[in-house]
Structure formats: C-alpha cells, structure tokens
Amino acid sequence: MLIKRKSELTGKTHEKEIDVNQQQFLNWASGIHIQNAMPNVSAEDREFIMTGITPEEWDGAFPAEDEE
C-alpha cells in the first residue's frame, strides 16, 4: 500500500510503499496498537505510518551518541 504522510519533524510530505493491507490499516485507525495491527511491518515503517518521519529525518534530529 502506498502511504503518504506529512512529517511531524519537518512538515515535508513523503510517500512510501509499505507491505500493509487495508484491514491492518483500518484496525490501527480504529485504535488497535500499531504493533498488534501490523506485526509484519518493521518498526521503522510503523513510525513512518504514525508520524511521517523518515529514518533520515530521525537520524538528523536525533544523532547516535557516538556521532555527536
């Protein structure tokens, strides 16, 4: 499914193809915890679905301690 989200960090709109079906998405939208509604989806992709934040944006905003 093609997911389009606006990043909560940057305000930029991103699209990403994620292996999730309509029922899983509706389950999450109705209040089921995303990790239970979409157990086959990576944590990175679940974050994108919830917040629109890409891994690159996340790394830029919250660098690893050894990179500071």
PDB file of N, CA and C in Angstrom:
ATOM      1  N   MET A   1       0.848  -1.170   0.000  1.00  0.00           N
ATOM      2  CA  MET A   1       0.000   0.000   0.000  1.00  0.00           C
ATOM      3  C   MET A   1       0.895   1.235   0.000  1.00  0.00           C
ATOM      4  N   LEU A   2       0.563   2.206  -0.814  1.00  0.00           N
ATOM      5  CA  LEU A   2       1.305   3.454  -0.839  1.00  0.00           C
ATOM      6  C   LEU A   2       0.777   4.347   0.278  1.00  0.00           C
ATOM      7  N   ILE A   3       1.651   4.698   1.210  1.00  0.00           N
ATOM      8  CA  ILE A   3       1.291   5.526   2.354  1.00  0.00           C
ATOM      9  C   ILE A   3       1.885   6.907   2.140  1.00  0.00           C
ATOM     10  N   LYS A   4       1.077   7.928   2.299  1.00  0.00           N
ATOM     11  CA  LYS A   4       1.521   9.312   2.156  1.00  0.00           C
ATOM     12  C   LYS A   4       1.301  10.008   3.487  1.00  0.00           C
ATOM     13  N   ARG A   5       2.382  10.593   4.024  1.00  0.00           N
ATOM     14  CA  ARG A   5       2.311  11.241   5.332  1.00  0.00           C
ATOM     15  C   ARG A   5       3.116  12.534   5.326  1.00  0.00           C
ATOM     16  N   LYS A   6       2.690  13.463   6.170  1.00  0.00           N
ATOM     17  CA  LYS A   6       3.417  14.704   6.396  1.00  0.00           C
ATOM     18  C   LYS A   6       4.248  14.510   7.664  1.00  0.00           C
ATOM     19  N   SER A   7       5.548  14.751   7.559  1.00  0.00           N
ATOM     20  CA  SER A   7       6.457  14.548   8.681  1.00  0.00           C
ATOM     21  C   SER A   7       6.156  15.517   9.817  1.00  0.00           C
ATOM     22  N   GLU A   8       6.049  14.980  11.013  1.00  0.00           N
ATOM     23  CA  GLU A   8       5.853  15.817  12.194  1.00  0.00           C
ATOM     24  C   GLU A   8       7.116  16.594  12.554  1.00  0.00           C
ATOM     25  N   LEU A   9       8.265  16.190  12.034  1.00  0.00           N
ATOM     26  CA  LEU A   9       9.521  16.900  12.310  1.00  0.00           C
ATOM     27  C   LEU A   9       9.762  18.045  11.349  1.00  0.00           C
ATOM     28  N   THR A  10       9.565  17.794  10.066  1.00  0.00           N
ATOM     29  CA  THR A  10       9.948  18.778   9.053  1.00  0.00           C
ATOM     30  C   THR A  10       8.785  19.410   8.310  1.00  0.00           C
ATOM     31  N   GLY A  11       7.622  18.801   8.375  1.00  0.00           N
ATOM     32  CA  GLY A  11       6.472  19.295   7.637  1.00  0.00           C
ATOM     33  C   GLY A  11       6.465  18.875   6.178  1.00  0.00           C
ATOM     34  N   LYS A  12       7.499  18.146   5.759  1.00  0.00           N
ATOM     35  CA  LYS A  12       7.569  17.663   4.376  1.00  0.00           C
ATOM     36  C   LYS A  12       6.657  16.450   4.212  1.00  0.00           C
ATOM     37  N   THR A  13       6.070  16.333   3.024  1.00  0.00           N
ATOM     38  CA  THR A  13       5.220  15.190   2.713  1.00  0.00           C
ATOM     39  C   THR A  13       6.051  14.127   2.013  1.00  0.00           C
ATOM     40  N   HIS A  14       5.918  12.884   2.481  1.00  0.00           N
ATOM     41  CA  HIS A  14       6.657  11.753   1.922  1.00  0.00           C
ATOM     42  C   HIS A  14       5.673  10.654   1.553  1.00  0.00           C
ATOM     43  N   GLU A  15       6.060   9.831   0.587  1.00  0.00           N
ATOM     44  CA  GLU A  15       5.308   8.636   0.211  1.00  0.00           C
ATOM     45  C   GLU A  15       6.219   7.428   0.326  1.00  0.00           C
ATOM     46  N   LYS A  16       5.630   6.325   0.770  1.00  0.00           N
ATOM     47  CA  LYS A  16       6.418   5.104   0.904  1.00  0.00           C
ATOM     48  C   LYS A  16       5.511   3.906   0.684  1.00  0.00           C
ATOM     49  N   GLU A  17       5.987   2.946  -0.088  1.00  0.00           N
ATOM     50  CA  GLU A  17       5.259   1.692  -0.300  1.00  0.00           C
ATOM     51  C   GLU A  17       5.565   0.772   0.881  1.00  0.00           C
ATOM     52  N   ILE A  18       4.510   0.369   1.598  1.00  0.00           N
ATOM     53  CA  ILE A  18       4.672  -0.463   2.793  1.00  0.00           C
ATOM     54  C   ILE A  18       3.772  -1.687   2.657  1.00  0.00           C
ATOM     55  N   ASP A  19       4.286  -2.843   3.054  1.00  0.00           N
ATOM     56  CA  ASP A  19       3.553  -4.103   2.964  1.00  0.00           C
ATOM     57  C   ASP A  19       2.506  -4.175   4.079  1.00  0.00           C
ATOM     58  N   VAL A  20       1.413  -3.462   3.876  1.00  0.00           N
ATOM     59  CA  VAL A  20       0.304  -3.439   4.822  1.00  0.00           C
ATOM     60  C   VAL A  20      -0.986  -3.475   4.006  1.00  0.00           C
ATOM     61  N   ASN A  21      -2.001  -4.137   4.534  1.00  0.00           N
ATOM     62  CA  ASN A  21      -3.256  -4.192   3.788  1.00  0.00           C
ATOM     63  C   ASN A  21      -4.296  -3.262   4.420  1.00  0.00           C
ATOM     64  N   GLN A  22      -5.392  -3.098   3.711  1.00  0.00           N
ATOM     65  CA  GLN A  22      -6.444  -2.178   4.140  1.00  0.00           C
ATOM     66  C   GLN A  22      -6.982  -2.530   5.527  1.00  0.00           C
ATOM     67  N   GLN A  23      -7.191  -3.820   5.792  1.00  0.00           N
ATOM     68  CA  GLN A  23      -7.734  -4.224   7.093  1.00  0.00           C
ATOM     69  C   GLN A  23      -6.769  -3.897   8.225  1.00  0.00           C
ATOM     70  N   GLN A  24      -5.474  -4.136   8.016  1.00  0.00           N
ATOM     71  CA  GLN A  24      -4.493  -3.796   9.048  1.00  0.00           C
ATOM     72  C   GLN A  24      -4.526  -2.291   9.320  1.00  0.00           C
ATOM     73  N   PHE A  25      -4.589  -1.503   8.265  1.00  0.00           N
ATOM     74  CA  PHE A  25      -4.613  -0.044   8.424  1.00  0.00           C
ATOM     75  C   PHE A  25      -5.880   0.392   9.171  1.00  0.00           C
ATOM     76  N   LEU A  26      -7.018  -0.187   8.810  1.00  0.00           N
ATOM     77  CA  LEU A  26      -8.269   0.159   9.490  1.00  0.00           C
ATOM     78  C   LEU A  26      -8.248  -0.272  10.954  1.00  0.00           C
ATOM     79  N   ASN A  27      -7.660  -1.431  11.237  1.00  0.00           N
ATOM     80  CA  ASN A  27      -7.531  -1.877  12.633  1.00  0.00           C
ATOM     81  C   ASN A  27      -6.747  -0.858  13.446  1.00  0.00           C
ATOM     82  N   TRP A  28      -5.628  -0.397  12.902  1.00  0.00           N
ATOM     83  CA  TRP A  28      -4.820   0.604  13.601  1.00  0.00           C
ATOM     84  C   TRP A  28      -5.599   1.907  13.759  1.00  0.00           C
ATOM     85  N   ALA A  29      -6.252   2.351  12.694  1.00  0.00           N
ATOM     86  CA  ALA A  29      -7.003   3.614  12.729  1.00  0.00           C
ATOM     87  C   ALA A  29      -8.150   3.559  13.744  1.00  0.00           C
ATOM     88  N   SER A  30      -8.648   2.352  14.021  1.00  0.00           N
ATOM     89  CA  SER A  30      -9.753   2.224  14.976  1.00  0.00           C
ATOM     90  C   SER A  30      -9.270   2.090  16.418  1.00  0.00           C
ATOM     91  N   GLY A  31      -7.952   2.098  16.630  1.00  0.00           N
ATOM     92  CA  GLY A  31      -7.438   2.125  17.997  1.00  0.00           C
ATOM     93  C   GLY A  31      -6.583   0.956  18.427  1.00  0.00           C
ATOM     94  N   ILE A  32      -6.426  -0.047  17.591  1.00  0.00           N
ATOM     95  CA  ILE A  32      -5.539  -1.164  17.944  1.00  0.00           C
ATOM     96  C   ILE A  32      -4.094  -0.686  17.859  1.00  0.00           C
ATOM     97  N   HIS A  33      -3.278  -1.045  18.846  1.00  0.00           N
ATOM     98  CA  HIS A  33      -1.868  -0.652  18.814  1.00  0.00           C
ATOM     99  C   HIS A  33      -1.252  -1.079  17.494  1.00  0.00           C
ATOM    100  N   ILE A  34      -0.458  -0.196  16.924  1.00  0.00           N
ATOM    101  CA  ILE A  34       0.082  -0.446  15.586  1.00  0.00           C
ATOM    102  C   ILE A  34       0.909  -1.724  15.508  1.00  0.00           C
ATOM    103  N   GLN A  35       1.665  -2.048  16.567  1.00  0.00           N
ATOM    104  CA  GLN A  35       2.473  -3.271  16.530  1.00  0.00           C
ATOM    105  C   GLN A  35       1.587  -4.516  16.543  1.00  0.00           C
ATOM    106  N   ASN A  36       0.369  -4.414  17.054  1.00  0.00           N
ATOM    107  CA  ASN A  36      -0.565  -5.533  17.028  1.00  0.00           C
ATOM    108  C   ASN A  36      -1.350  -5.571  15.716  1.00  0.00           C
ATOM    109  N   ALA A  37      -1.674  -4.409  15.194  1.00  0.00           N
ATOM    110  CA  ALA A  37      -2.416  -4.340  13.937  1.00  0.00           C
ATOM    111  C   ALA A  37      -1.547  -4.713  12.744  1.00  0.00           C
ATOM    112  N   MET A  38      -0.232  -4.424  12.846  1.00  0.00           N
ATOM    113  CA  MET A  38       0.684  -4.642  11.723  1.00  0.00           C
ATOM    114  C   MET A  38       1.952  -5.346  12.176  1.00  0.00           C
ATOM    115  N   PRO A  39       1.849  -6.568  12.684  1.00  0.00           N
ATOM    116  CA  PRO A  39       3.032  -7.250  13.224  1.00  0.00           C
ATOM    117  C   PRO A  39       4.099  -7.556  12.174  1.00  0.00           C
ATOM    118  N   ASN A  40       3.721  -7.583  10.918  1.00  0.00           N
ATOM    119  CA  ASN A  40       4.663  -7.882   9.840  1.00  0.00           C
ATOM    120  C   ASN A  40       5.427  -6.656   9.357  1.00  0.00           C
ATOM    121  N   VAL A  41       5.081  -5.488   9.862  1.00  0.00           N
ATOM    122  CA  VAL A  41       5.680  -4.224   9.411  1.00  0.00           C
ATOM    123  C   VAL A  41       6.816  -3.846  10.352  1.00  0.00           C
ATOM    124  N   SER A  42       7.932  -3.380   9.792  1.00  0.00           N
ATOM    125  CA  SER A  42       9.092  -3.011  10.612  1.00  0.00           C
ATOM    126  C   SER A  42       8.771  -1.811  11.504  1.00  0.00           C
ATOM    127  N   ALA A  43       9.524  -1.686  12.574  1.00  0.00           N
ATOM    128  CA  ALA A  43       9.344  -0.551  13.484  1.00  0.00           C
ATOM    129  C   ALA A  43       9.554   0.768  12.740  1.00  0.00           C
ATOM    130  N   GLU A  44      10.508   0.789  11.835  1.00  0.00           N
ATOM    131  CA  GLU A  44      10.795   1.980  11.028  1.00  0.00           C
ATOM    132  C   GLU A  44       9.580   2.365  10.175  1.00  0.00           C
ATOM    133  N   ASP A  45       8.957   1.387   9.556  1.00  0.00           N
ATOM    134  CA  ASP A  45       7.781   1.665   8.731  1.00  0.00           C
ATOM    135  C   ASP A  45       6.569   2.025   9.578  1.00  0.00           C
ATOM    136  N   ARG A  46       6.435   1.419  10.745  1.00  0.00           N
ATOM    137  CA  ARG A  46       5.326   1.794  11.644  1.00  0.00           C
ATOM    138  C   ARG A  46       5.488   3.238  12.098  1.00  0.00           C
ATOM    139  N   GLU A  47       6.712   3.653  12.384  1.00  0.00           N
ATOM    140  CA  GLU A  47       6.968   5.049  12.764  1.00  0.00           C
ATOM    141  C   GLU A  47       6.552   5.983  11.634  1.00  0.00           C
ATOM    142  N   PHE A  48       6.888   5.611  10.407  1.00  0.00           N
ATOM    143  CA  PHE A  48       6.501   6.428   9.265  1.00  0.00           C
ATOM    144  C   PHE A  48       4.985   6.535   9.158  1.00  0.00           C
ATOM    145  N   ILE A  49       4.288   5.418   9.341  1.00  0.00           N
ATOM    146  CA  ILE A  49       2.827   5.438   9.264  1.00  0.00           C
ATOM    147  C   ILE A  49       2.245   6.361  10.331  1.00  0.00           C
ATOM    148  N   MET A  50       2.778   6.303  11.540  1.00  0.00           N
ATOM    149  CA  MET A  50       2.232   7.095  12.644  1.00  0.00           C
ATOM    150  C   MET A  50       2.586   8.577  12.554  1.00  0.00           C
ATOM    151  N   THR A  51       3.821   8.884  12.134  1.00  0.00           N
ATOM    152  CA  THR A  51       4.311  10.263  12.250  1.00  0.00           C
ATOM    153  C   THR A  51       4.775  10.895  10.950  1.00  0.00           C
ATOM    154  N   GLY A  52       4.974  10.080   9.912  1.00  0.00           N
ATOM    155  CA  GLY A  52       5.504  10.601   8.657  1.00  0.00           C
ATOM    156  C   GLY A  52       7.001  10.850   8.686  1.00  0.00           C
ATOM    157  N   ILE A  53       7.638  10.502   9.786  1.00  0.00           N
ATOM    158  CA  ILE A  53       9.080  10.737   9.933  1.00  0.00           C
ATOM    159  C   ILE A  53       9.853   9.626   9.236  1.00  0.00           C
ATOM    160  N   THR A  54      10.785  10.017   8.350  1.00  0.00           N
ATOM    161  CA  THR A  54      11.628   9.052   7.656  1.00  0.00           C
ATOM    162  C   THR A  54      12.846   8.724   8.521  1.00  0.00           C
ATOM    163  N   PRO A  55      13.516   7.609   8.248  1.00  0.00           N
ATOM    164  CA  PRO A  55      14.733   7.277   9.007  1.00  0.00           C
ATOM    165  C   PRO A  55      15.796   8.376   8.893  1.00  0.00           C
ATOM    166  N   GLU A  56      15.908   8.992   7.724  1.00  0.00           N
ATOM    167  CA  GLU A  56      16.901  10.061   7.533  1.00  0.00           C
ATOM    168  C   GLU A  56      16.572  11.274   8.410  1.00  0.00           C
ATOM    169  N   GLU A  57      15.299  11.637   8.480  1.00  0.00           N
ATOM    170  CA  GLU A  57      14.895  12.754   9.337  1.00  0.00           C
ATOM    171  C   GLU A  57      15.149  12.427  10.800  1.00  0.00           C
ATOM    172  N   TRP A  58      14.824  11.198  11.192  1.00  0.00           N
ATOM    173  CA  TRP A  58      15.025  10.762  12.577  1.00  0.00           C
ATOM    174  C   TRP A  58      16.510  10.854  12.945  1.00  0.00           C
ATOM    175  N   ASP A  59      17.376  10.323  12.062  1.00  0.00           N
ATOM    176  CA  ASP A  59      18.815  10.347  12.326  1.00  0.00           C
ATOM    177  C   ASP A  59      19.344  11.773  12.395  1.00  0.00           C
ATOM    178  N   GLY A  60      18.807  12.661  11.571  1.00  0.00           N
ATOM    179  CA  GLY A  60      19.241  14.055  11.593  1.00  0.00           C
ATOM    180  C   GLY A  60      18.813  14.777  12.853  1.00  0.00           C
ATOM    181  N   ALA A  61      17.637  14.462  13.351  1.00  0.00           N
ATOM    182  CA  ALA A  61      17.116  15.122  14.550  1.00  0.00           C
ATOM    183  C   ALA A  61      17.683  14.522  15.831  1.00  0.00           C
ATOM    184  N   PHE A  62      17.964  13.223  15.811  1.00  0.00           N
ATOM    185  CA  PHE A  62      18.425  12.515  16.994  1.00  0.00           C
ATOM    186  C   PHE A  62      19.642  11.666  16.660  1.00  0.00           C
ATOM    187  N   PRO A  63      20.806  12.311  16.457  1.00  0.00           N
ATOM    188  CA  PRO A  63      22.005  11.539  16.094  1.00  0.00           C
ATOM    189  C   PRO A  63      22.412  10.571  17.203  1.00  0.00           C
ATOM    190  N   ALA A  64      23.002   9.470  16.789  1.00  0.00           N
ATOM    191  CA  ALA A  64      23.515   8.496  17.757  1.00  0.00           C
ATOM    192  C   ALA A  64      24.576   9.146  18.611  1.00  0.00           C
ATOM    193  N   GLU A  65      24.698   8.715  19.855  1.00  0.00           N
ATOM    194  CA  GLU A  65      25.641   9.320  20.791  1.00  0.00           C
ATOM    195  C   GLU A  65      27.064   9.310  20.257  1.00  0.00           C
ATOM    196  N   ASP A  66      27.466   8.260  19.571  1.00  0.00           N
ATOM    197  CA  ASP A  66      28.845   8.164  19.083  1.00  0.00           C
ATOM    198  C   ASP A  66      29.089   9.086  17.892  1.00  0.00           C
ATOM    199  N   GLU A  67      28.043   9.725  17.372  1.00  0.00           N
ATOM    200  CA  GLU A  67      28.200  10.654  16.236  1.00  0.00           C
ATOM    201  C   GLU A  67      28.258  12.098  16.686  1.00  0.00           C
ATOM    202  N   GLU A  68      27.999  12.356  17.958  1.00  0.00           N
ATOM    203  CA  GLU A  68      27.981  13.751  18.451  1.00  0.00           C
ATOM    204  C   GLU A  68      29.355  14.312  18.604  1.00  0.00           C
TER     205      GLU A  68
END
